């Protein structure tokens, strides 16, 4: 009899955790699909995290439209030049002297650290953070963990390859669930 109470308690805990995870996932989905890009607020700099489709092209478009005086591209592969970036993104940078490349980062935590160091070295007080919409929550958590005196304007980049209706695509659901789990881990890690 005692064993069955333990099993029921275990099942109840699993059920509650699953329901909490599911509710959080729905909230996460709602947030990432409702980001609106602020095209009016000019910042000291634009920072972009490599990795997703169209992120770099969007950040260069913003720079060319004078939304900031500098652009920092974090997580660039070694031996990649600004010219290489222009060619791969299919865009032209009006003033390449305004662009700096960061070669240290290999993941989102590394991006945040690399951006933090660049911000401190350049006396930046406001940035437009450009990354994929699904990646913004985790990127914001990692950058905010440094408690910098910094205004961060999130700038989402939406990808056509990620279905907004994740429940209609098993591949998208797996991708979104993995990103949500990474966000939860980052949030919990930086909570304390």
N, C-alpha and C. Protein backbone atom coordinates (compact mmCIF):
# COMPACT_ATOMS: atom_id res chain seq x y z
N UNK A 1 0.81 -1.20 0.00
CA UNK A 1 0.00 0.00 0.00
C UNK A 1 0.85 1.26 0.00
N UNK A 2 1.95 1.22 0.80
CA UNK A 2 2.84 2.37 0.88
C UNK A 2 3.49 2.64 -0.47
N UNK A 3 3.85 1.57 -1.17
CA UNK A 3 4.48 1.71 -2.49
C UNK A 3 3.55 2.38 -3.49
N UNK A 4 2.28 2.04 -3.45
CA UNK A 4 1.34 2.63 -4.40
C UNK A 4 1.16 4.13 -4.15
N UNK A 5 1.22 4.57 -2.88
CA UNK A 5 1.14 6.01 -2.58
C UNK A 5 2.35 6.73 -3.18
N UNK A 6 3.51 6.12 -3.07
CA UNK A 6 4.72 6.71 -3.64
C UNK A 6 4.63 6.82 -5.16
N UNK A 7 4.07 5.81 -5.79
CA UNK A 7 3.91 5.82 -7.25
C UNK A 7 2.93 6.91 -7.66
N UNK A 8 1.82 7.02 -6.92
CA UNK A 8 0.83 8.07 -7.24
C UNK A 8 1.43 9.46 -7.05
N UNK A 9 2.21 9.61 -6.00
CA UNK A 9 2.87 10.91 -5.76
C UNK A 9 3.84 11.23 -6.90
N UNK A 10 4.61 10.22 -7.31
CA UNK A 10 5.56 10.41 -8.41
C UNK A 10 4.82 10.79 -9.70
N UNK A 11 3.73 10.10 -10.00
CA UNK A 11 2.94 10.40 -11.20
C UNK A 11 2.36 11.82 -11.11
N UNK A 12 1.88 12.19 -9.92
CA UNK A 12 1.32 13.53 -9.74
C UNK A 12 2.39 14.61 -9.95
N UNK A 13 3.59 14.38 -9.45
CA UNK A 13 4.69 15.35 -9.61
C UNK A 13 5.05 15.48 -11.10
N UNK A 14 5.15 14.35 -11.77
CA UNK A 14 5.47 14.36 -13.21
C UNK A 14 4.39 15.11 -13.97
N UNK A 15 3.13 14.86 -13.64
CA UNK A 15 2.02 15.53 -14.30
C UNK A 15 2.07 17.05 -14.08
N UNK A 16 2.31 17.47 -12.85
CA UNK A 16 2.39 18.91 -12.54
C UNK A 16 3.56 19.55 -13.29
N UNK A 17 4.70 18.88 -13.30
CA UNK A 17 5.86 19.42 -14.03
C UNK A 17 5.57 19.51 -15.52
N UNK A 18 4.92 18.49 -16.08
CA UNK A 18 4.57 18.52 -17.50
C UNK A 18 3.61 19.67 -17.80
N UNK A 19 2.62 19.87 -16.95
CA UNK A 19 1.66 20.96 -17.16
C UNK A 19 2.35 22.32 -17.04
N UNK A 20 3.26 22.46 -16.08
CA UNK A 20 4.00 23.73 -15.93
C UNK A 20 4.87 23.98 -17.16
N UNK A 21 5.56 22.91 -17.62
CA UNK A 21 6.40 23.04 -18.82
C UNK A 21 5.54 23.44 -20.02
N UNK A 22 4.40 22.79 -20.17
CA UNK A 22 3.50 23.06 -21.31
C UNK A 22 2.98 24.49 -21.27
N UNK A 23 2.57 24.95 -20.10
CA UNK A 23 2.07 26.33 -19.98
C UNK A 23 3.19 27.32 -20.31
N UNK A 24 4.39 27.05 -19.81
CA UNK A 24 5.53 27.91 -20.11
C UNK A 24 5.87 27.91 -21.59
N UNK A 25 5.78 26.74 -22.21
CA UNK A 25 6.06 26.63 -23.65
C UNK A 25 5.06 27.45 -24.45
N UNK A 26 3.78 27.40 -24.07
CA UNK A 26 2.76 28.19 -24.77
C UNK A 26 3.03 29.69 -24.61
N UNK A 27 3.44 30.10 -23.42
CA UNK A 27 3.77 31.51 -23.18
C UNK A 27 4.99 31.91 -24.01
N UNK A 28 6.00 31.05 -24.02
CA UNK A 28 7.21 31.28 -24.82
C UNK A 28 6.85 31.46 -26.29
N UNK A 29 6.02 30.56 -26.81
CA UNK A 29 5.58 30.64 -28.20
C UNK A 29 4.85 31.95 -28.47
N UNK A 30 3.99 32.35 -27.56
CA UNK A 30 3.23 33.59 -27.72
C UNK A 30 4.17 34.80 -27.76
N UNK A 31 5.14 34.81 -26.87
CA UNK A 31 6.08 35.95 -26.78
C UNK A 31 6.93 36.05 -28.05
N UNK A 32 7.51 34.94 -28.48
CA UNK A 32 8.45 35.02 -29.61
C UNK A 32 7.77 35.34 -30.93
N UNK A 33 6.48 35.06 -31.02
CA UNK A 33 5.79 35.35 -32.27
C UNK A 33 5.08 36.70 -32.26
N UNK A 34 5.27 37.47 -31.19
CA UNK A 34 4.64 38.78 -31.12
C UNK A 34 5.65 39.91 -30.95
N UNK A 35 6.94 39.60 -31.06
CA UNK A 35 7.94 40.67 -31.01
C UNK A 35 7.69 41.63 -32.17
N UNK A 36 7.76 42.89 -31.89
CA UNK A 36 7.67 43.90 -32.94
C UNK A 36 9.02 44.60 -33.02
N UNK A 37 9.56 44.72 -34.19
CA UNK A 37 10.84 45.39 -34.37
C UNK A 37 10.63 46.91 -34.25
N UNK A 38 11.37 47.53 -33.34
CA UNK A 38 11.32 48.98 -33.16
C UNK A 38 12.25 49.61 -34.19
N UNK A 39 11.70 50.26 -35.16
CA UNK A 39 12.49 50.86 -36.25
C UNK A 39 12.77 52.35 -36.00
N UNK A 40 12.43 52.85 -34.81
CA UNK A 40 12.56 54.29 -34.55
C UNK A 40 13.66 54.64 -33.56
N UNK A 41 13.90 53.77 -32.59
CA UNK A 41 14.86 54.07 -31.52
C UNK A 41 16.28 53.84 -32.02
N UNK A 42 17.05 54.90 -32.10
CA UNK A 42 18.45 54.79 -32.53
C UNK A 42 19.30 54.44 -31.31
N UNK A 43 20.17 53.45 -31.46
CA UNK A 43 21.05 53.02 -30.37
C UNK A 43 22.50 53.37 -30.68
N UNK A 44 23.35 53.26 -29.66
CA UNK A 44 24.78 53.49 -29.88
C UNK A 44 25.34 52.46 -30.85
N UNK A 45 24.85 51.23 -30.72
CA UNK A 45 25.40 50.14 -31.54
C UNK A 45 24.33 49.10 -31.83
N UNK A 46 24.62 48.30 -32.83
CA UNK A 46 23.84 47.12 -33.17
C UNK A 46 24.74 45.93 -32.89
N UNK A 47 24.21 44.94 -32.19
CA UNK A 47 24.96 43.70 -32.00
C UNK A 47 24.14 42.56 -32.59
N UNK A 48 24.79 41.69 -33.31
CA UNK A 48 24.10 40.58 -33.94
C UNK A 48 24.82 39.28 -33.62
N UNK A 49 24.03 38.24 -33.36
CA UNK A 49 24.58 36.93 -33.08
C UNK A 49 24.50 36.09 -34.35
N UNK A 50 25.60 35.52 -34.76
CA UNK A 50 25.61 34.70 -35.96
C UNK A 50 24.86 33.40 -35.67
N UNK A 51 24.48 32.72 -36.73
CA UNK A 51 23.86 31.41 -36.56
C UNK A 51 22.54 31.24 -37.24
N UNK A 52 21.71 32.24 -37.27
CA UNK A 52 20.39 32.09 -37.88
C UNK A 52 20.31 32.77 -39.24
N UNK A 53 19.31 32.37 -39.99
CA UNK A 53 19.11 32.93 -41.32
C UNK A 53 18.75 34.40 -41.23
N UNK A 54 19.33 35.20 -42.08
CA UNK A 54 19.00 36.61 -42.28
C UNK A 54 19.38 37.54 -41.14
N UNK A 55 19.99 37.04 -40.08
CA UNK A 55 20.36 37.91 -38.96
C UNK A 55 21.36 38.98 -39.40
N UNK A 56 22.41 38.56 -40.07
CA UNK A 56 23.46 39.50 -40.45
C UNK A 56 22.95 40.48 -41.49
N UNK A 57 22.21 40.01 -42.47
CA UNK A 57 21.66 40.90 -43.49
C UNK A 57 20.78 41.97 -42.84
N UNK A 58 19.97 41.58 -41.87
CA UNK A 58 19.09 42.53 -41.18
C UNK A 58 19.92 43.55 -40.40
N UNK A 59 20.96 43.10 -39.73
CA UNK A 59 21.78 44.04 -38.94
C UNK A 59 22.51 45.03 -39.86
N UNK A 60 22.94 44.57 -41.02
CA UNK A 60 23.61 45.47 -41.97
C UNK A 60 22.59 46.47 -42.53
N UNK A 61 21.38 46.00 -42.80
CA UNK A 61 20.33 46.91 -43.27
C UNK A 61 20.09 48.01 -42.24
N UNK A 62 20.03 47.64 -40.97
CA UNK A 62 19.83 48.62 -39.90
C UNK A 62 20.99 49.60 -39.82
N UNK A 63 22.21 49.10 -39.94
CA UNK A 63 23.38 49.98 -39.93
C UNK A 63 23.35 50.94 -41.11
N UNK A 64 23.08 50.41 -42.30
CA UNK A 64 23.01 51.26 -43.49
C UNK A 64 21.90 52.31 -43.39
N UNK A 65 20.85 52.01 -42.59
CA UNK A 65 19.76 52.97 -42.38
C UNK A 65 20.02 53.89 -41.19
N UNK A 66 21.27 53.90 -40.72
CA UNK A 66 21.71 54.80 -39.64
C UNK A 66 20.96 54.61 -38.34
N UNK A 67 20.64 53.36 -38.00
CA UNK A 67 19.99 53.08 -36.72
C UNK A 67 21.01 52.99 -35.59
N UNK A 68 22.31 53.04 -35.92
CA UNK A 68 23.39 53.05 -34.93
C UNK A 68 24.67 53.47 -35.65
N UNK A 69 25.66 53.80 -34.85
CA UNK A 69 26.95 54.22 -35.40
C UNK A 69 27.93 53.05 -35.58
N UNK A 70 27.64 51.92 -34.91
CA UNK A 70 28.55 50.78 -34.96
C UNK A 70 27.75 49.49 -35.05
N UNK A 71 28.39 48.49 -35.63
CA UNK A 71 27.81 47.15 -35.69
C UNK A 71 28.87 46.16 -35.22
N UNK A 72 28.47 45.31 -34.25
CA UNK A 72 29.36 44.25 -33.78
C UNK A 72 28.72 42.91 -34.11
N UNK A 73 29.45 42.08 -34.85
CA UNK A 73 28.97 40.76 -35.25
C UNK A 73 29.70 39.73 -34.38
N UNK A 74 28.95 39.09 -33.49
CA UNK A 74 29.53 38.16 -32.53
C UNK A 74 29.43 36.72 -33.03
N UNK A 75 30.52 35.98 -32.83
CA UNK A 75 30.52 34.56 -33.18
C UNK A 75 30.93 34.26 -34.60
N UNK A 76 31.79 35.09 -35.15
CA UNK A 76 32.25 34.92 -36.53
C UNK A 76 33.34 33.85 -36.56
N UNK A 77 33.31 33.02 -37.59
CA UNK A 77 34.35 32.00 -37.75
C UNK A 77 35.70 32.66 -38.06
N UNK A 78 36.74 32.00 -37.61
CA UNK A 78 38.09 32.52 -37.88
C UNK A 78 38.33 32.65 -39.38
N UNK A 79 39.10 33.61 -39.75
CA UNK A 79 39.49 33.90 -41.14
C UNK A 79 38.35 34.41 -42.01
N UNK A 80 37.23 34.78 -41.40
CA UNK A 80 36.12 35.38 -42.15
C UNK A 80 36.30 36.90 -42.09
N UNK A 81 36.23 37.53 -43.24
CA UNK A 81 36.40 38.98 -43.32
C UNK A 81 35.04 39.67 -43.50
N UNK A 82 35.06 40.97 -43.41
CA UNK A 82 33.85 41.75 -43.66
C UNK A 82 33.37 41.52 -45.09
N UNK A 83 34.30 41.44 -46.03
CA UNK A 83 33.94 41.18 -47.42
C UNK A 83 33.25 39.82 -47.56
N UNK A 84 33.77 38.82 -46.85
CA UNK A 84 33.15 37.49 -46.86
C UNK A 84 31.71 37.56 -46.35
N UNK A 85 31.52 38.34 -45.30
CA UNK A 85 30.19 38.48 -44.71
C UNK A 85 29.24 39.15 -45.70
N UNK A 86 29.71 40.20 -46.36
CA UNK A 86 28.88 40.86 -47.37
C UNK A 86 28.45 39.87 -48.46
N UNK A 87 29.41 39.10 -48.94
CA UNK A 87 29.12 38.14 -50.01
C UNK A 87 28.14 37.06 -49.56
N UNK A 88 28.36 36.51 -48.37
CA UNK A 88 27.48 35.43 -47.88
C UNK A 88 26.08 35.95 -47.59
N UNK A 89 25.97 37.16 -47.02
CA UNK A 89 24.66 37.72 -46.68
C UNK A 89 23.98 38.35 -47.88
N UNK A 90 24.74 38.57 -48.96
CA UNK A 90 24.18 39.18 -50.16
C UNK A 90 23.80 40.63 -49.98
N UNK A 91 24.62 41.34 -49.19
CA UNK A 91 24.35 42.76 -48.92
C UNK A 91 25.65 43.56 -49.06
N UNK A 92 25.48 44.87 -49.12
CA UNK A 92 26.63 45.78 -49.18
C UNK A 92 26.63 46.64 -47.93
N UNK A 93 27.78 46.75 -47.30
CA UNK A 93 27.93 47.61 -46.13
C UNK A 93 28.40 48.97 -46.61
N UNK A 94 27.59 50.00 -46.34
CA UNK A 94 27.92 51.35 -46.80
C UNK A 94 29.24 51.84 -46.24
N UNK A 95 29.52 51.57 -44.97
CA UNK A 95 30.75 52.01 -44.33
C UNK A 95 31.33 50.87 -43.50
N UNK A 96 32.22 50.06 -44.10
CA UNK A 96 32.80 48.91 -43.39
C UNK A 96 33.58 49.29 -42.13
N UNK A 97 34.03 50.56 -42.03
CA UNK A 97 34.76 50.98 -40.84
C UNK A 97 33.88 50.98 -39.58
N UNK A 98 32.57 50.92 -39.76
CA UNK A 98 31.65 50.90 -38.62
C UNK A 98 31.37 49.49 -38.12
N UNK A 99 31.98 48.49 -38.76
CA UNK A 99 31.70 47.09 -38.43
C UNK A 99 32.91 46.46 -37.76
N UNK A 100 32.65 45.76 -36.65
CA UNK A 100 33.70 44.99 -35.98
C UNK A 100 33.23 43.54 -35.87
N UNK A 101 34.17 42.64 -35.99
CA UNK A 101 33.86 41.21 -35.93
C UNK A 101 34.41 40.60 -34.65
N UNK A 102 33.61 39.76 -34.03
CA UNK A 102 34.04 39.04 -32.84
C UNK A 102 34.27 37.58 -33.17
N UNK A 103 35.45 37.09 -32.86
CA UNK A 103 35.83 35.73 -33.24
C UNK A 103 35.87 34.75 -32.06
N UNK A 104 35.55 35.21 -30.85
CA UNK A 104 35.71 34.36 -29.66
C UNK A 104 34.51 33.44 -29.39
N UNK A 105 33.31 33.88 -29.66
CA UNK A 105 32.10 33.16 -29.24
C UNK A 105 31.82 31.93 -30.09
N UNK A 106 31.37 30.88 -29.41
CA UNK A 106 30.97 29.64 -30.09
C UNK A 106 29.57 29.19 -29.69
N UNK A 107 28.95 29.92 -28.76
CA UNK A 107 27.59 29.61 -28.32
C UNK A 107 26.97 30.89 -27.75
N UNK A 108 25.75 30.80 -27.26
CA UNK A 108 25.04 31.99 -26.80
C UNK A 108 25.69 32.60 -25.57
N UNK A 109 26.18 31.77 -24.65
CA UNK A 109 26.89 32.31 -23.48
C UNK A 109 28.14 33.04 -23.94
N UNK A 110 28.86 32.46 -24.88
CA UNK A 110 30.05 33.10 -25.44
C UNK A 110 29.71 34.40 -26.15
N UNK A 111 28.57 34.42 -26.87
CA UNK A 111 28.13 35.67 -27.51
C UNK A 111 27.93 36.76 -26.47
N UNK A 112 27.23 36.42 -25.39
CA UNK A 112 26.95 37.42 -24.34
C UNK A 112 28.24 37.96 -23.74
N UNK A 113 29.19 37.08 -23.46
CA UNK A 113 30.46 37.51 -22.90
C UNK A 113 31.23 38.38 -23.89
N UNK A 114 31.27 37.96 -25.14
CA UNK A 114 31.98 38.72 -26.17
C UNK A 114 31.34 40.10 -26.36
N UNK A 115 30.02 40.15 -26.36
CA UNK A 115 29.31 41.43 -26.50
C UNK A 115 29.57 42.31 -25.29
N UNK A 116 29.52 41.73 -24.09
CA UNK A 116 29.80 42.48 -22.86
C UNK A 116 31.16 43.15 -22.93
N UNK A 117 32.18 42.39 -23.31
CA UNK A 117 33.54 42.94 -23.39
C UNK A 117 33.61 44.05 -24.43
N UNK A 118 32.97 43.86 -25.57
CA UNK A 118 32.98 44.87 -26.62
C UNK A 118 32.26 46.13 -26.17
N UNK A 119 31.14 45.97 -25.50
CA UNK A 119 30.36 47.11 -24.99
C UNK A 119 31.21 47.92 -24.01
N UNK A 120 31.86 47.23 -23.08
CA UNK A 120 32.68 47.91 -22.08
C UNK A 120 33.87 48.62 -22.73
N UNK A 121 34.49 48.00 -23.71
CA UNK A 121 35.65 48.61 -24.39
C UNK A 121 35.27 49.79 -25.26
N UNK A 122 34.01 49.89 -25.64
CA UNK A 122 33.57 50.96 -26.55
C UNK A 122 32.61 51.96 -25.89
N UNK A 123 32.45 51.86 -24.57
CA UNK A 123 31.60 52.79 -23.82
C UNK A 123 30.19 52.88 -24.42
N UNK A 124 29.61 51.75 -24.70
CA UNK A 124 28.28 51.68 -25.29
C UNK A 124 27.24 51.70 -24.17
N UNK A 125 26.17 52.50 -24.35
CA UNK A 125 25.11 52.56 -23.34
C UNK A 125 23.78 52.01 -23.86
N UNK A 126 23.68 51.77 -25.16
CA UNK A 126 22.45 51.20 -25.72
C UNK A 126 22.79 50.37 -26.95
N UNK A 127 22.11 49.23 -27.07
CA UNK A 127 22.32 48.35 -28.23
C UNK A 127 20.98 47.85 -28.76
N UNK A 128 20.99 47.56 -30.04
CA UNK A 128 19.89 46.84 -30.68
C UNK A 128 20.40 45.42 -30.85
N UNK A 129 19.76 44.48 -30.18
CA UNK A 129 20.18 43.07 -30.21
C UNK A 129 19.42 42.35 -31.32
N UNK A 130 20.14 41.97 -32.36
CA UNK A 130 19.53 41.32 -33.52
C UNK A 130 19.84 39.82 -33.47
N UNK A 131 18.76 39.04 -33.42
CA UNK A 131 18.88 37.59 -33.50
C UNK A 131 17.51 37.03 -33.88
N UNK A 132 17.44 35.76 -34.07
CA UNK A 132 16.16 35.13 -34.44
C UNK A 132 15.15 35.30 -33.32
N UNK A 133 13.88 35.42 -33.68
CA UNK A 133 12.84 35.65 -32.67
C UNK A 133 12.84 34.57 -31.58
N UNK A 134 13.04 33.31 -31.96
CA UNK A 134 13.03 32.22 -30.99
C UNK A 134 14.27 32.25 -30.09
N UNK A 135 15.30 32.96 -30.52
CA UNK A 135 16.56 33.02 -29.79
C UNK A 135 16.64 34.24 -28.89
N UNK A 136 15.76 35.22 -29.09
CA UNK A 136 15.82 36.45 -28.30
C UNK A 136 15.66 36.24 -26.80
N UNK A 137 14.70 35.45 -26.32
CA UNK A 137 14.58 35.32 -24.86
C UNK A 137 15.86 34.82 -24.20
N UNK A 138 16.48 33.81 -24.77
CA UNK A 138 17.71 33.26 -24.18
C UNK A 138 18.86 34.25 -24.30
N UNK A 139 18.96 34.92 -25.44
CA UNK A 139 20.02 35.92 -25.64
C UNK A 139 19.89 37.07 -24.65
N UNK A 140 18.64 37.51 -24.42
CA UNK A 140 18.40 38.59 -23.47
C UNK A 140 18.78 38.15 -22.05
N UNK A 141 18.41 36.93 -21.67
CA UNK A 141 18.75 36.42 -20.33
C UNK A 141 20.26 36.38 -20.15
N UNK A 142 20.98 35.86 -21.15
CA UNK A 142 22.44 35.75 -21.03
C UNK A 142 23.11 37.12 -20.97
N UNK A 143 22.64 38.07 -21.77
CA UNK A 143 23.24 39.41 -21.76
C UNK A 143 22.88 40.15 -20.48
N UNK A 144 21.63 40.04 -20.04
CA UNK A 144 21.20 40.72 -18.81
C UNK A 144 21.85 40.16 -17.55
N UNK A 145 22.39 38.95 -17.64
CA UNK A 145 23.05 38.34 -16.47
C UNK A 145 24.26 39.14 -16.02
N UNK A 146 24.81 39.96 -16.90
CA UNK A 146 25.98 40.77 -16.54
C UNK A 146 25.60 42.07 -15.83
N UNK A 147 24.32 42.38 -15.79
CA UNK A 147 23.81 43.58 -15.10
C UNK A 147 24.52 44.84 -15.57
N UNK A 148 24.66 44.96 -16.86
CA UNK A 148 25.31 46.15 -17.43
C UNK A 148 24.36 47.34 -17.40
N UNK A 149 24.90 48.55 -17.22
CA UNK A 149 24.05 49.74 -17.33
C UNK A 149 23.79 50.00 -18.82
N UNK A 150 22.84 49.27 -19.37
CA UNK A 150 22.67 49.19 -20.81
C UNK A 150 21.20 49.11 -21.18
N UNK A 151 20.81 49.89 -22.18
CA UNK A 151 19.48 49.76 -22.77
C UNK A 151 19.60 48.76 -23.91
N UNK A 152 18.78 47.71 -23.87
CA UNK A 152 18.81 46.68 -24.92
C UNK A 152 17.45 46.68 -25.63
N UNK A 153 17.51 46.95 -26.94
CA UNK A 153 16.32 46.92 -27.77
C UNK A 153 16.33 45.58 -28.53
N UNK A 154 15.40 44.67 -28.22
CA UNK A 154 15.38 43.41 -28.96
C UNK A 154 14.88 43.62 -30.38
N UNK A 155 15.57 43.03 -31.32
CA UNK A 155 15.18 43.15 -32.73
C UNK A 155 15.08 41.74 -33.32
N UNK A 156 13.85 41.23 -33.48
CA UNK A 156 13.68 39.86 -33.95
C UNK A 156 13.87 39.72 -35.46
N UNK A 157 14.40 38.58 -35.83
CA UNK A 157 14.47 38.20 -37.24
C UNK A 157 13.65 36.92 -37.36
N UNK A 158 12.62 36.97 -38.18
CA UNK A 158 11.75 35.81 -38.36
C UNK A 158 12.24 34.99 -39.56
N UNK A 159 12.23 33.69 -39.39
CA UNK A 159 12.70 32.79 -40.43
C UNK A 159 11.52 32.04 -41.04
N UNK A 160 11.51 31.99 -42.35
CA UNK A 160 10.47 31.24 -43.04
C UNK A 160 10.57 29.75 -42.83
N UNK A 161 11.73 29.28 -42.38
CA UNK A 161 11.91 27.84 -42.20
C UNK A 161 11.39 27.35 -40.85
N UNK A 162 11.02 28.28 -39.97
CA UNK A 162 10.46 27.91 -38.67
C UNK A 162 8.97 28.24 -38.70
N UNK A 163 8.14 27.22 -38.73
CA UNK A 163 6.68 27.42 -38.83
C UNK A 163 6.14 28.05 -37.55
N UNK A 164 5.33 29.11 -37.70
CA UNK A 164 4.70 29.72 -36.53
C UNK A 164 3.71 28.75 -35.89
N UNK A 165 3.11 27.91 -36.70
CA UNK A 165 2.18 26.90 -36.18
C UNK A 165 2.97 25.62 -35.92
N UNK A 166 3.78 25.65 -34.85
CA UNK A 166 4.66 24.54 -34.52
C UNK A 166 3.89 23.24 -34.33
N UNK A 167 2.65 23.31 -33.94
CA UNK A 167 1.86 22.12 -33.68
C UNK A 167 1.49 21.38 -34.96
N UNK A 168 1.77 21.99 -36.13
CA UNK A 168 1.52 21.33 -37.41
C UNK A 168 2.78 20.70 -38.01
N UNK A 169 3.92 20.92 -37.33
CA UNK A 169 5.19 20.42 -37.86
C UNK A 169 6.01 19.80 -36.73
N UNK A 170 6.23 18.49 -36.82
CA UNK A 170 7.00 17.79 -35.80
C UNK A 170 8.43 18.36 -35.72
N UNK A 171 9.03 18.65 -36.86
CA UNK A 171 10.39 19.20 -36.87
C UNK A 171 10.45 20.55 -36.17
N UNK A 172 9.48 21.41 -36.43
CA UNK A 172 9.45 22.72 -35.78
C UNK A 172 9.20 22.56 -34.29
N UNK A 173 8.29 21.67 -33.92
CA UNK A 173 8.02 21.45 -32.49
C UNK A 173 9.28 21.02 -31.76
N UNK A 174 10.02 20.05 -32.32
CA UNK A 174 11.26 19.58 -31.68
C UNK A 174 12.26 20.73 -31.53
N UNK A 175 12.39 21.53 -32.60
CA UNK A 175 13.32 22.66 -32.57
C UNK A 175 12.91 23.67 -31.50
N UNK A 176 11.63 24.03 -31.48
CA UNK A 176 11.12 25.02 -30.53
C UNK A 176 11.20 24.50 -29.10
N UNK A 177 10.89 23.23 -28.89
CA UNK A 177 10.97 22.65 -27.54
C UNK A 177 12.41 22.67 -27.05
N UNK A 178 13.36 22.36 -27.93
CA UNK A 178 14.78 22.39 -27.55
C UNK A 178 15.20 23.82 -27.20
N UNK A 179 14.77 24.80 -27.99
CA UNK A 179 15.12 26.20 -27.70
C UNK A 179 14.48 26.66 -26.39
N UNK A 180 13.24 26.25 -26.16
CA UNK A 180 12.57 26.59 -24.90
C UNK A 180 13.31 25.98 -23.71
N UNK A 181 13.73 24.72 -23.84
CA UNK A 181 14.49 24.08 -22.76
C UNK A 181 15.81 24.80 -22.50
N UNK A 182 16.49 25.23 -23.56
CA UNK A 182 17.74 25.98 -23.39
C UNK A 182 17.48 27.31 -22.69
N UNK A 183 16.36 27.95 -23.06
CA UNK A 183 15.99 29.20 -22.39
C UNK A 183 15.74 28.95 -20.90
N UNK A 184 14.99 27.89 -20.57
CA UNK A 184 14.71 27.58 -19.17
C UNK A 184 15.99 27.35 -18.38
N UNK A 185 16.93 26.61 -18.97
CA UNK A 185 18.20 26.35 -18.30
C UNK A 185 18.95 27.66 -18.06
N UNK A 186 19.01 28.52 -19.07
CA UNK A 186 19.69 29.81 -18.93
C UNK A 186 19.00 30.67 -17.87
N UNK A 187 17.68 30.69 -17.90
CA UNK A 187 16.92 31.49 -16.94
C UNK A 187 17.16 31.00 -15.52
N UNK A 188 17.09 29.68 -15.32
CA UNK A 188 17.32 29.12 -13.98
C UNK A 188 18.75 29.35 -13.52
N UNK A 189 19.71 29.18 -14.42
CA UNK A 189 21.11 29.37 -14.08
C UNK A 189 21.38 30.81 -13.64
N UNK A 190 20.74 31.78 -14.31
CA UNK A 190 20.99 33.18 -14.01
C UNK A 190 20.03 33.77 -12.97
N UNK A 191 19.11 32.94 -12.48
CA UNK A 191 18.14 33.38 -11.49
C UNK A 191 18.82 33.62 -10.14
N UNK A 192 19.84 32.87 -9.85
CA UNK A 192 20.49 32.96 -8.54
C UNK A 192 21.86 33.60 -8.62
